[in-house]
Structure formats: structure tokens, C-alpha cells
Protein backbone atom coordinates (compact mmCIF):
# COMPACT_ATOMS: atom_id res chain seq x y z
CA UNK A 1 8.96 7.23 -16.71
CA UNK A 2 6.60 10.16 -16.26
CA UNK A 3 2.85 9.57 -16.04
CA UNK A 4 0.75 10.95 -18.87
CA UNK A 5 -1.84 13.67 -18.17
CA UNK A 6 -4.57 11.08 -18.78
CA UNK A 7 -3.12 8.71 -16.16
CA UNK A 8 -2.80 11.54 -13.65
CA UNK A 9 -6.42 12.51 -14.30
CA UNK A 10 -7.51 8.89 -13.85
CA UNK A 11 -5.59 8.62 -10.57
CA UNK A 12 -7.09 11.89 -9.30
CA UNK A 13 -10.61 10.74 -10.21
CA UNK A 14 -10.10 7.38 -8.49
CA UNK A 15 -8.82 9.09 -5.36
CA UNK A 16 -11.75 11.54 -5.32
CA UNK A 17 -14.18 8.62 -5.70
CA UNK A 18 -12.51 6.74 -2.84
CA UNK A 19 -12.46 9.77 -0.55
CA UNK A 20 -16.13 10.51 -1.29
CA UNK A 21 -17.00 6.99 -0.11
CA UNK A 22 -15.28 7.41 3.27
CA UNK A 23 -17.74 6.73 6.08
CA UNK A 24 -18.84 9.82 8.00
CA UNK A 25 -16.57 10.64 10.88
CA UNK A 26 -13.72 8.40 9.73
CA UNK A 27 -10.17 9.71 9.59
CA UNK A 28 -7.82 8.97 6.71
CA UNK A 29 -6.03 6.46 8.93
CA UNK A 30 -9.27 4.58 9.65
CA UNK A 31 -10.12 4.49 5.96
CA UNK A 32 -6.65 3.24 5.05
CA UNK A 33 -7.07 0.44 7.60
CA UNK A 34 -10.36 -0.60 5.95
CA UNK A 35 -10.18 0.83 2.42
CA UNK A 36 -13.30 -0.93 1.11
CA UNK A 37 -15.52 0.56 3.81
CA UNK A 38 -18.35 2.38 2.10
CA UNK A 39 -18.10 0.24 -1.04
CA UNK A 40 -20.76 -2.00 -2.48
CA UNK A 41 -20.30 -5.76 -2.49
CA UNK A 42 -18.90 -5.54 -6.03
CA UNK A 43 -15.51 -7.25 -6.20
CA UNK A 44 -14.35 -4.70 -8.76
CA UNK A 45 -15.32 -1.74 -6.59
CA UNK A 46 -13.65 -3.23 -3.54
CA UNK A 47 -10.48 -4.01 -5.54
CA UNK A 48 -10.35 -0.43 -6.82
CA UNK A 49 -10.73 0.90 -3.26
CA UNK A 50 -7.86 -1.28 -2.03
CA UNK A 51 -5.66 -0.21 -4.94
CA UNK A 52 -6.37 3.49 -4.37
CA UNK A 53 -5.62 3.12 -0.66
CA UNK A 54 -2.28 1.48 -1.46
CA UNK A 55 -1.45 4.44 -3.69
CA UNK A 56 -2.59 7.02 -1.11
CA UNK A 57 -0.88 5.33 1.87
CA UNK A 58 2.06 7.46 3.09
CA UNK A 59 5.40 6.11 1.98
CA UNK A 60 4.12 4.72 -1.34
């Protein structure tokens, strides 16, 4: 099943948000190891960060 343009746009926006929250000086690998770094204490925000990292992680 192919993703709709809206779903692709949502995924791209979520990834851009997650990457923008990466702590200064961190590599992608460091951020993947601690995907909620840079997030607020909001459970929803942290869950979104973990989900995006799972999607971004090589091999997924």
C-alpha cells in the first residue's frame, strides 16, 4: 500500500520537528540512542520523538 501525499507530508514534518530538537553537537547516532533528548516532559511529545526515531533508524 502506497502512502498518501498527506501521510508523507506528516512524516516529513514530524522528522523535521524531531531533527530541529536535536541537542547541539549531537550526531544522528546519539539522537537515535536517546530520541526524546531535547523534548519537554510531555508524554505525547516524548512518544512522538521515539516513534520518529524508530522510523528514521537505518534498516526500518
